[in-house]
Amino acid sequence: MIRIKNDEQIRRMAESGKVTGRILEELEGFIQPGITTLDIDNFVEEQIRKEGMIPTFKGYNGFPASACVSVNEVLVHGIPNTAQILKEGDIVSVDVGATHKGWVSDAARTYAVGRISEEAARLIAVCKQSFFEGLRYCRAGNRLTDIGHAIQVYVEENGFSVVLDYVGHGVGSKMHEDPQVRNYGEAGKGPVLQKGMALAIEPMINEGVAEVVTSEEDGWSVRTRDGKLAAHYENTVIITDGNPLVITLGSADQSSIS
């Protein structure tokens, strides 16, 4: 069942989203060669708790950290640790959730670690822009699959592949609610978008093949099957009477909404 949020619930989500977006923006300056993935997790948790909020991911289905930190060929659900030290040329995705007065925001970014290859930079840029291509269809009266169709077309036109095994989702008092928000598929299908819907829209794309595998070692980390790079970009979006409200954008990305 898709849960429609009222103004007070959206306000609480927006307060959480503002913190989530700020943290992700500040990570741009924090992430550099030589730090560990656990350093990133510690930074994220400290910032969330400083605002009196709860790290949504910590303990969620047994996940041990406050952020998913996924390096290079790891698409999602990377577990932060002290052994993994970021090096020049890596890319790293950070997925963050914060809960405020029982209401959740969820967002992710993929970052360059120092100087990266042109193709890695293009992968990150295409993943990010594919979100904004889908956002164009986040209007009341459109269909849910219009979003994923736009994402898939843009990604594939740019020579990358869309992951089929993982999708976005509704978000609200729980991190994962109905509906599933696919990053692919035929337009004009699924539920009609309505004011008050809250969606975590999160393109996940690969440099090579679309297929991914889950690590047998930790049971969490999802890697590309061919070992090529992966990127992830996510925001929490509220459907309104007019333009969509993207509650997890930092100030630098606000101008990306058309």
Protein backbone atom coordinates (compact mmCIF):
# COMPACT_ATOMS: atom_id res chain seq x y z
CA MET A 1 0.00 0.00 0.00
CA ILE A 2 1.33 3.43 -0.94
CA ARG A 3 1.15 5.81 2.01
CA ILE A 4 0.35 9.45 1.27
CA LYS A 5 2.13 11.87 3.60
CA ASN A 6 0.47 14.90 5.13
CA ASP A 7 2.10 18.33 5.51
CA GLU A 8 3.43 17.67 9.03
CA GLN A 9 4.96 14.36 8.03
CA ILE A 10 6.58 15.94 5.00
CA ARG A 11 7.95 18.73 7.19
CA ARG A 12 9.64 16.21 9.46
CA MET A 13 11.05 14.32 6.49
CA ALA A 14 12.32 17.59 5.03
CA GLU A 15 14.14 18.43 8.27
CA SER A 16 15.83 15.05 8.13
CA GLY A 17 16.52 15.45 4.42
CA LYS A 18 18.24 18.78 4.96
CA VAL A 19 20.73 17.10 7.30
CA THR A 20 21.25 14.15 4.98
CA GLY A 21 21.89 16.45 2.03
CA ARG A 22 24.31 18.59 4.01
CA ILE A 23 26.30 15.56 5.15
CA LEU A 24 26.60 14.27 1.60
CA GLU A 25 27.71 17.70 0.42
CA GLU A 26 30.33 17.96 3.16
CA LEU A 27 31.72 14.55 2.23
CA GLU A 28 32.99 16.14 -1.00
CA GLY A 29 35.72 17.83 1.04
CA PHE A 30 36.16 15.03 3.56
CA ILE A 31 36.81 12.17 1.12
CA GLN A 32 40.44 11.99 0.03
CA PRO A 33 43.19 9.42 -0.49
CA GLY A 34 44.43 7.86 2.74
CA ILE A 35 41.23 7.76 4.77
CA THR A 36 39.43 4.50 5.53
CA THR A 37 35.84 3.64 4.72
CA LEU A 38 35.23 3.52 8.48
CA ASP A 39 36.39 7.15 8.72
CA ILE A 40 33.52 8.01 6.38
CA ASP A 41 31.03 6.06 8.48
CA ASN A 42 32.23 7.72 11.69
CA PHE A 43 31.85 11.16 10.08
CA VAL A 44 28.31 10.36 8.91
CA GLU A 45 27.16 9.00 12.27
CA GLU A 46 28.66 11.91 14.20
CA GLN A 47 26.90 14.45 12.01
CA ILE A 48 23.53 12.70 12.21
CA ARG A 49 23.64 12.32 15.98
CA LYS A 50 24.86 15.91 16.43
CA GLU A 51 21.52 16.99 14.95
CA GLY A 52 19.60 14.80 17.42
CA MET A 53 18.65 12.35 14.69
CA ILE A 54 19.09 8.59 14.35
CA PRO A 55 21.25 6.82 11.71
CA THR A 56 18.53 4.84 9.94
CA PHE A 57 20.83 2.19 8.51
CA LYS A 58 22.54 1.16 11.76
CA GLY A 59 21.10 -2.20 12.76
CA TYR A 60 18.61 -2.20 9.86
CA ASN A 61 18.19 -5.89 9.01
CA GLY A 62 21.45 -6.39 10.85
CA PHE A 63 23.55 -3.89 8.89
CA PRO A 64 26.41 -2.89 11.22
CA ALA A 65 27.09 0.71 10.18
CA SER A 66 25.48 4.13 9.77
CA ALA A 67 26.41 4.46 6.08
CA CYS A 68 26.86 2.08 3.19
CA VAL A 69 30.32 2.83 1.76
CA SER A 70 30.95 1.10 -1.56
CA VAL A 71 34.26 1.37 -3.44
CA ASN A 72 34.88 0.93 -7.18
CA GLU A 73 33.18 -2.28 -8.36
CA VAL A 74 30.97 -2.44 -5.23
CA LEU A 75 27.58 -1.08 -6.26
CA VAL A 76 25.79 -0.87 -2.89
CA HIS A 77 25.82 -2.09 0.72
CA GLY A 78 29.57 -1.90 1.28
CA ILE A 79 30.40 -2.33 4.97
CA PRO A 80 32.80 0.34 6.30
CA ASN A 81 35.99 -0.98 7.90
CA THR A 82 39.51 0.06 8.92
CA ALA A 83 41.26 -2.19 6.41
CA GLN A 84 39.92 -0.50 3.26
CA ILE A 85 41.98 2.63 2.65
CA LEU A 86 40.91 4.89 -0.20
CA LYS A 87 43.54 5.57 -2.82
CA GLU A 88 43.99 8.05 -5.65
CA GLY A 89 41.77 7.12 -8.58
CA ASP A 90 39.12 5.22 -6.61
CA ILE A 91 35.45 6.10 -6.72
CA VAL A 92 33.29 5.62 -3.63
CA SER A 93 29.52 5.64 -3.16
CA VAL A 94 28.08 6.69 0.19
CA ASP A 95 24.44 5.93 1.03
CA VAL A 96 23.00 7.70 4.09
CA GLY A 97 19.70 7.56 5.95
CA ALA A 98 18.60 9.76 8.85
CA THR A 99 15.46 9.43 10.98
CA HIS A 100 13.85 12.51 12.58
CA LYS A 101 10.90 12.11 14.93
CA GLY A 102 10.09 8.81 13.28
CA TRP A 103 10.43 9.99 9.68
CA VAL A 104 13.18 8.98 7.27
CA SER A 105 15.24 10.57 4.50
CA ASP A 106 17.49 8.49 2.26
CA ALA A 107 20.12 9.63 -0.26
CA ALA A 108 23.41 8.60 -1.88
CA ARG A 109 26.26 10.07 -3.91
CA THR A 110 29.30 8.71 -5.73
CA TYR A 111 32.57 10.60 -5.18
CA ALA A 112 35.94 10.82 -6.87
CA VAL A 113 38.94 10.05 -4.66
CA GLY A 114 41.57 12.48 -5.87
CA ARG A 115 42.10 12.42 -9.63
CA ILE A 116 40.14 9.73 -11.43
CA SER A 117 39.96 8.50 -15.02
CA GLU A 118 37.80 10.28 -17.59
CA GLU A 119 35.58 7.22 -17.93
CA ALA A 120 35.05 6.98 -14.15
CA ALA A 121 34.15 10.68 -14.06
CA ARG A 122 31.71 10.18 -16.94
CA LEU A 123 30.10 7.22 -15.16
CA ILE A 124 29.51 9.35 -12.05
CA ALA A 125 28.15 12.26 -14.11
CA VAL A 126 25.78 10.08 -16.14
CA CYS A 127 24.47 8.38 -13.01
CA LYS A 128 23.76 11.74 -11.40
CA GLN A 129 22.13 13.24 -14.49
CA SER A 130 19.98 10.14 -14.98
CA PHE A 131 18.31 10.97 -11.66
CA PHE A 132 17.41 14.43 -12.94
CA GLU A 133 16.12 12.92 -16.20
CA GLY A 134 13.76 10.80 -14.11
CA LEU A 135 12.89 13.74 -11.87
CA ARG A 136 11.31 15.52 -14.85
CA TYR A 137 8.48 12.98 -14.63
CA CYS A 138 7.90 13.33 -10.87
CA ARG A 139 4.66 15.22 -11.37
CA ALA A 140 1.19 14.40 -10.11
CA GLY A 141 -0.73 12.66 -12.88
CA ASN A 142 2.26 10.92 -14.45
CA ARG A 143 2.82 7.19 -14.06
CA LEU A 144 5.45 5.65 -11.79
CA THR A 145 7.26 3.87 -14.61
CA ASP A 146 7.75 7.13 -16.50
CA ILE A 147 10.58 7.83 -14.02
CA GLY A 148 12.49 4.60 -14.57
CA HIS A 149 11.99 4.68 -18.31
CA ALA A 150 13.62 8.11 -18.54
CA ILE A 151 16.54 6.94 -16.38
CA GLN A 152 17.14 3.83 -18.46
CA VAL A 153 17.00 5.64 -21.79
CA TYR A 154 19.52 8.25 -20.67
CA VAL A 155 21.94 5.72 -19.14
CA GLU A 156 21.90 3.38 -22.12
CA GLU A 157 22.23 6.21 -24.62
CA ASN A 158 25.47 7.06 -22.81
CA GLY A 159 26.83 3.54 -23.09
CA PHE A 160 26.35 2.28 -19.54
CA SER A 161 24.04 -0.37 -18.10
CA VAL A 162 21.21 -0.09 -15.56
CA VAL A 163 21.21 -2.59 -12.70
CA LEU A 164 17.98 -4.60 -12.74
CA ASP A 165 18.33 -6.41 -9.41
CA TYR A 166 18.09 -3.32 -7.17
CA VAL A 167 15.50 -0.54 -7.27
CA GLY A 168 14.33 2.59 -5.49
CA HIS A 169 11.38 2.61 -3.13
CA GLY A 170 8.81 4.54 -1.20
CA VAL A 171 10.04 6.09 2.03
CA GLY A 172 8.40 7.60 5.09
CA SER A 173 8.01 6.24 8.61
CA LYS A 174 9.95 3.23 7.33
CA MET A 175 12.99 3.26 5.08
CA HIS A 176 11.45 0.87 2.60
CA GLU A 177 7.79 1.35 1.72
CA ASP A 178 5.68 0.77 -1.37
CA PRO A 179 6.06 1.30 -4.25
CA GLN A 180 9.20 -0.10 -5.81
CA VAL A 181 10.74 2.53 -8.10
CA ARG A 182 12.55 0.77 -10.93
CA ASN A 183 15.29 2.46 -12.92
CA TYR A 184 14.12 0.78 -16.11
CA GLY A 185 11.04 -0.35 -17.97
CA GLU A 186 8.23 0.79 -20.22
CA ALA A 187 6.70 4.22 -19.65
CA GLY A 188 3.03 4.74 -18.82
CA LYS A 189 2.62 1.85 -16.37
CA GLY A 190 2.09 1.48 -12.64
CA PRO A 191 0.40 3.77 -10.11
CA VAL A 192 -0.50 7.35 -10.95
CA LEU A 193 1.73 9.77 -9.04
CA GLN A 194 -0.16 11.73 -6.38
CA LYS A 195 0.58 14.66 -4.12
CA GLY A 196 2.09 13.41 -0.87
CA MET A 197 3.92 10.41 -2.29
CA ALA A 198 7.51 10.16 -1.02
CA LEU A 199 9.95 8.26 -3.24
CA ALA A 200 13.62 7.36 -2.88
CA ILE A 201 14.74 7.48 -6.50
CA GLU A 202 18.18 5.93 -6.91
CA PRO A 203 19.78 5.14 -10.25
CA MET A 204 22.40 2.39 -9.92
CA ILE A 205 24.48 1.93 -13.04
CA ASN A 206 27.50 -0.08 -14.17
CA GLU A 207 30.40 0.63 -16.49
CA GLY A 208 30.10 -2.87 -17.95
CA VAL A 209 27.42 -5.53 -17.73
CA ALA A 210 24.29 -5.01 -15.65
CA GLU A 211 24.66 -8.21 -13.63
CA VAL A 212 25.78 -8.04 -10.00
CA VAL A 213 26.67 -10.56 -7.30
CA THR A 214 26.46 -10.42 -3.51
CA SER A 215 29.63 -11.10 -1.56
CA GLU A 216 29.73 -14.52 0.11
CA GLU A 217 32.23 -13.14 2.62
CA ASP A 218 30.08 -10.51 4.31
CA GLY A 219 26.63 -11.24 2.85
CA TRP A 220 26.07 -7.54 2.10
CA SER A 221 28.42 -6.03 -0.48
CA VAL A 222 26.97 -6.12 -3.99
CA ARG A 223 29.62 -6.13 -6.74
CA THR A 224 29.52 -5.92 -10.50
CA ARG A 225 29.84 -9.37 -12.03
CA ASP A 226 32.63 -8.30 -14.39
CA GLY A 227 34.57 -6.27 -11.82
CA LYS A 228 34.06 -2.97 -13.64
CA LEU A 229 33.04 0.25 -11.89
CA ALA A 230 29.59 1.04 -10.52
CA ALA A 231 27.90 4.31 -9.50
CA HIS A 232 24.91 5.23 -7.33
CA TYR A 233 22.98 8.50 -6.95
CA GLU A 234 19.85 8.89 -4.82
CA ASN A 235 17.49 11.50 -3.39
CA THR A 236 14.24 11.49 -1.47
CA VAL A 237 11.56 13.16 -3.58
CA ILE A 238 8.10 14.39 -2.53
CA ILE A 239 5.36 14.63 -5.15
CA THR A 240 3.48 17.94 -4.91
CA ASP A 241 0.83 19.85 -6.86
CA GLY A 242 3.64 21.36 -8.94
CA ASN A 243 7.38 20.86 -9.11
CA PRO A 244 8.72 17.92 -7.09
CA LEU A 245 10.34 18.65 -3.74
CA VAL A 246 13.80 17.07 -3.48
CA ILE A 247 14.46 17.15 0.24
CA THR A 248 18.01 15.72 0.25
CA LEU A 249 19.77 18.04 -2.19
CA GLY A 250 22.67 20.09 -0.94
CA SER A 251 22.90 23.74 -1.91
CA ALA A 252 25.26 23.06 -4.82
CA ASP A 253 22.74 20.78 -6.53
CA GLN A 254 19.61 22.88 -6.11
CA SER A 255 20.26 24.56 -9.46
CA SER A 256 20.06 21.18 -11.20
CA ILE A 257 16.25 21.15 -10.86
CA SER A 258 14.60 22.50 -13.98
